[in-house]
Amino acid sequence: MATHLITGANRGIGAEYCRQLRARGEEVVAVCRTASPELEALGVRIEAGVDITSEAAIDSLVERLGDLAIDGLIHNAGVYESTSLETLDPQSLRRQFEVNAIAPLQLTRALLNHLHPGSKVSLMTSRMGSIADNSSGGSYGYRMSKVALCMAGKSLAVDLKPRGIAVAILHPGLVSTRMTGFTANGITPEQSVRGLLERIDALSLETSGTFWHANGEVLPW
């Protein structure tokens, strides 16, 4: 039975990860700032009150985990704030970098002693972090922070390979969640996570550091 730690687990894609992994009979540690009734109904271990941008909160989480071995670390927590050229807000840019790019890297480092050969680290990024795929512009903070996360994932794949730890860089697709305003054009969290787990299950050291769409397509940098 594998143990997975998931950030941003209280709703949307994060809660769906918890649901599907729990349904497979696996152990789940759901990390979030505030638990939701949806998450509490799943019967997973919840570690609430964790702001992943806070070093003190990360240290507290690590202490609470004790000697727990983590087979899958899924960095799902993220934030999207609209930042056009006309409404550019440096504080918003910094906030999105803190949550989307810096926090996953810091948390991975903090949890290194809980990972082991065969563990997998998954970074939830976006094809909006693809430079080659950017044809619409805008969304400066989100795009820039996701590019940074992709680069962090690639470096982690290199640095963690000698430890036997593989890294997946994942785009969930356009998903109908609160972050996307429950867009009618999106797929459901259930559909997205089903594909994402297929990518994670298939991940190996040979494919570590690849940028995947949930549907299996390899995305351009």
Protein backbone atom coordinates (compact mmCIF):
# COMPACT_ATOMS: atom_id res chain seq x y z
CA MET A 1 0.00 0.00 0.00
CA ALA A 2 1.50 3.30 -1.12
CA THR A 3 1.35 6.56 0.84
CA HIS A 4 0.75 9.84 -0.97
CA LEU A 5 1.02 13.39 0.33
CA ILE A 6 -1.04 15.95 -1.58
CA THR A 7 -0.98 19.72 -1.14
CA GLY A 8 -3.94 21.96 -1.91
CA ALA A 9 -6.13 18.99 -1.05
CA ASN A 10 -9.27 20.65 0.24
CA ARG A 11 -11.10 21.07 -3.09
CA GLY A 12 -11.00 20.67 -6.84
CA ILE A 13 -8.21 18.59 -8.31
CA GLY A 14 -6.53 18.11 -4.93
CA ALA A 15 -9.63 16.64 -3.31
CA GLU A 16 -10.18 14.45 -6.36
CA TYR A 17 -6.65 13.09 -6.09
CA CYS A 18 -7.46 12.17 -2.50
CA ARG A 19 -10.73 10.52 -3.50
CA GLN A 20 -9.30 8.41 -6.30
CA LEU A 21 -6.20 7.34 -4.41
CA ARG A 22 -8.28 6.44 -1.35
CA ALA A 23 -10.62 4.42 -3.60
CA ARG A 24 -7.57 2.45 -4.76
CA GLY A 25 -6.88 1.51 -1.15
CA GLU A 26 -3.85 3.74 -0.77
CA GLU A 27 -2.94 5.93 2.20
CA VAL A 28 -3.40 9.67 1.74
CA VAL A 29 -2.07 12.64 3.69
CA ALA A 30 -4.13 15.67 2.63
CA VAL A 31 -2.32 18.96 3.27
CA CYS A 32 -4.25 22.22 3.15
CA ARG A 33 -4.73 25.54 4.87
CA THR A 34 -8.35 24.80 5.79
CA ALA A 35 -10.14 21.47 5.52
CA SER A 36 -13.45 21.29 3.66
CA PRO A 37 -16.51 19.07 4.27
CA GLU A 38 -15.72 17.43 0.92
CA LEU A 39 -12.26 16.46 2.11
CA GLU A 40 -13.35 15.43 5.60
CA ALA A 41 -15.89 13.01 4.09
CA LEU A 42 -13.12 11.03 2.38
CA GLY A 43 -11.67 9.52 5.54
CA VAL A 44 -8.08 10.44 4.76
CA ARG A 45 -5.44 11.86 7.10
CA ILE A 46 -5.77 15.64 7.05
CA GLU A 47 -2.97 18.02 7.95
CA ALA A 48 -4.67 21.40 7.98
CA GLY A 49 -3.32 24.82 8.88
CA VAL A 50 -0.39 24.48 6.49
CA ASP A 51 0.56 27.53 4.45
CA ILE A 52 3.14 26.09 2.07
CA THR A 53 4.80 29.49 1.65
CA SER A 54 5.66 29.53 5.37
CA GLU A 55 8.91 27.85 6.41
CA ALA A 56 7.57 27.53 9.95
CA ALA A 57 4.44 25.76 8.68
CA ILE A 58 6.54 23.40 6.58
CA ASP A 59 8.79 22.63 9.56
CA SER A 60 5.72 21.90 11.68
CA LEU A 61 4.30 19.59 9.01
CA VAL A 62 7.56 17.67 8.75
CA GLU A 63 7.62 17.24 12.53
CA ARG A 64 4.03 15.95 12.56
CA LEU A 65 4.82 13.42 9.84
CA GLY A 66 7.40 11.76 12.07
CA ASP A 67 9.13 8.93 10.22
CA LEU A 68 6.36 8.49 7.62
CA ALA A 69 7.68 7.19 4.30
CA ILE A 70 6.16 8.96 1.30
CA ASP A 71 5.81 7.07 -1.98
CA GLY A 72 4.08 9.86 -3.89
CA LEU A 73 4.45 13.60 -3.30
CA ILE A 74 1.91 15.60 -5.32
CA HIS A 75 2.36 19.37 -5.36
CA ASN A 76 -1.13 20.50 -6.29
CA ALA A 77 -1.52 23.77 -4.36
CA GLY A 78 -1.52 26.78 -6.63
CA VAL A 79 -2.96 30.22 -7.22
CA TYR A 80 -4.09 32.10 -10.32
CA GLU A 81 -4.41 35.87 -10.36
CA SER A 82 -5.15 37.73 -13.57
CA THR A 83 -2.29 40.11 -14.39
CA SER A 84 -2.44 41.83 -17.76
CA LEU A 85 0.12 44.34 -19.00
CA GLU A 86 -2.27 47.15 -18.12
CA THR A 87 -3.00 45.86 -14.60
CA LEU A 88 0.49 44.60 -13.75
CA ASP A 89 0.86 44.27 -9.99
CA PRO A 90 4.34 43.37 -8.66
CA GLN A 91 2.87 42.06 -5.40
CA SER A 92 0.62 39.68 -7.35
CA LEU A 93 3.58 38.50 -9.42
CA ARG A 94 5.57 37.77 -6.26
CA ARG A 95 2.64 36.01 -4.59
CA GLN A 96 2.15 33.68 -7.56
CA PHE A 97 5.86 32.88 -7.66
CA GLU A 98 5.84 32.15 -3.91
CA VAL A 99 2.92 29.71 -4.10
CA ASN A 100 3.32 28.19 -7.55
CA ALA A 101 7.09 27.85 -7.91
CA ILE A 102 9.09 28.46 -4.73
CA ALA A 103 6.90 26.61 -2.21
CA PRO A 104 6.88 23.25 -4.06
CA LEU A 105 10.67 23.34 -4.31
CA GLN A 106 11.09 24.17 -0.62
CA LEU A 107 8.62 21.50 0.45
CA THR A 108 10.33 18.87 -1.69
CA ARG A 109 13.65 19.68 -0.05
CA ALA A 110 12.07 19.58 3.41
CA LEU A 111 10.58 16.15 2.73
CA LEU A 112 13.67 14.54 1.21
CA ASN A 113 14.22 12.30 4.24
CA HIS A 114 10.67 10.98 3.81
CA LEU A 115 11.27 9.99 0.19
CA HIS A 116 13.09 6.85 -0.87
CA PRO A 117 14.22 5.02 -4.01
CA GLY A 118 11.04 4.45 -6.00
CA SER A 119 9.25 7.54 -4.66
CA LYS A 120 7.67 9.89 -7.19
CA VAL A 121 7.35 13.68 -7.06
CA SER A 122 4.61 15.25 -9.18
CA LEU A 123 4.41 18.97 -9.93
CA MET A 124 1.05 20.32 -11.08
CA THR A 125 1.97 23.00 -13.57
CA SER A 126 0.11 24.19 -16.69
CA ARG A 127 0.58 24.39 -20.42
CA MET A 128 0.33 28.13 -19.75
CA GLY A 129 3.89 27.59 -18.52
CA SER A 130 4.95 26.52 -22.00
CA ILE A 131 6.85 29.27 -23.84
CA ALA A 132 6.40 27.62 -27.22
CA ASP A 133 2.65 27.21 -26.67
CA ASN A 134 1.99 30.83 -25.65
CA SER A 135 -0.06 32.39 -28.42
CA SER A 136 -2.41 34.58 -26.37
CA GLY A 137 -0.09 36.52 -24.03
CA GLY A 138 -1.22 38.05 -20.74
CA SER A 139 -1.53 36.24 -17.40
CA TYR A 140 2.00 37.34 -16.59
CA GLY A 141 2.22 36.16 -12.99
CA TYR A 142 0.68 32.76 -13.63
CA ARG A 143 2.58 32.05 -16.83
CA MET A 144 5.92 33.16 -15.40
CA SER A 145 5.48 31.20 -12.17
CA LYS A 146 4.54 28.04 -14.04
CA VAL A 147 7.57 28.36 -16.33
CA ALA A 148 9.66 28.58 -13.16
CA LEU A 149 7.94 25.49 -11.74
CA CYS A 150 8.66 23.55 -14.94
CA MET A 151 12.33 24.48 -14.67
CA ALA A 152 12.39 23.48 -11.01
CA GLY A 153 10.88 20.14 -11.98
CA LYS A 154 13.49 19.54 -14.65
CA SER A 155 16.31 20.31 -12.23
CA LEU A 156 14.73 18.12 -9.56
CA ALA A 157 14.56 15.25 -12.06
CA VAL A 158 18.31 15.55 -12.57
CA ASP A 159 19.18 16.03 -8.91
CA LEU A 160 16.90 13.29 -7.56
CA LYS A 161 17.70 10.62 -10.14
CA PRO A 162 20.76 9.37 -8.19
CA ARG A 163 18.41 8.87 -5.22
CA GLY A 164 16.08 6.76 -7.37
CA ILE A 165 13.30 9.37 -7.23
CA ALA A 166 11.40 10.28 -10.42
CA VAL A 167 9.70 13.61 -11.16
CA ALA A 168 6.60 14.28 -13.26
CA ILE A 169 5.74 17.74 -14.61
CA LEU A 170 2.00 17.68 -15.26
CA HIS A 171 -0.69 19.78 -16.95
CA PRO A 172 -4.19 18.75 -15.80
CA GLY A 173 -6.02 20.05 -18.86
CA LEU A 174 -8.68 22.73 -18.72
CA VAL A 175 -10.60 21.60 -15.66
CA SER A 176 -13.91 22.95 -14.40
CA THR A 177 -12.93 24.09 -10.89
CA ARG A 178 -13.18 27.22 -8.79
CA MET A 179 -9.81 28.39 -10.16
CA THR A 180 -11.20 28.38 -13.73
CA GLY A 181 -14.56 29.82 -12.74
CA PHE A 182 -16.16 26.41 -13.29
CA THR A 183 -15.80 26.89 -17.01
CA ALA A 184 -18.30 25.00 -19.13
CA ASN A 185 -15.52 24.22 -21.60
CA GLY A 186 -13.49 22.21 -19.12
CA ILE A 187 -13.33 18.55 -18.19
CA THR A 188 -14.31 17.35 -14.74
CA PRO A 189 -11.76 16.92 -11.94
CA GLU A 190 -12.54 13.19 -12.06
CA GLN A 191 -11.55 12.97 -15.74
CA SER A 192 -8.43 15.06 -15.19
CA VAL A 193 -7.15 13.12 -12.18
CA ARG A 194 -7.81 9.79 -13.88
CA GLY A 195 -5.40 10.83 -16.63
CA LEU A 196 -2.92 12.38 -14.21
CA LEU A 197 -2.71 9.19 -12.16
CA GLU A 198 -2.07 7.23 -15.34
CA ARG A 199 0.90 9.50 -16.02
CA ILE A 200 2.18 9.14 -12.45
CA ASP A 201 1.73 5.37 -12.42
CA ALA A 202 3.71 5.08 -15.66
CA LEU A 203 6.48 7.43 -14.50
CA SER A 204 9.99 5.96 -14.35
CA LEU A 205 13.52 7.25 -13.94
CA GLU A 206 13.85 7.04 -17.72
CA THR A 207 10.89 9.39 -18.28
CA SER A 208 11.56 11.61 -15.26
CA GLY A 209 11.49 15.33 -16.02
CA THR A 210 9.03 15.07 -18.92
CA PHE A 211 6.29 17.71 -19.32
CA TRP A 212 3.01 15.84 -19.83
CA HIS A 213 -0.60 16.71 -20.52
CA ALA A 214 -2.98 14.57 -18.46
CA ASN A 215 -4.06 12.91 -21.72
CA GLY A 216 -0.55 11.56 -22.32
CA GLU A 217 0.63 14.19 -24.79
CA VAL A 218 4.18 15.45 -24.26
CA LEU A 219 4.03 19.25 -24.15
CA PRO A 220 6.59 21.66 -25.61
CA TRP A 221 8.74 23.80 -23.34
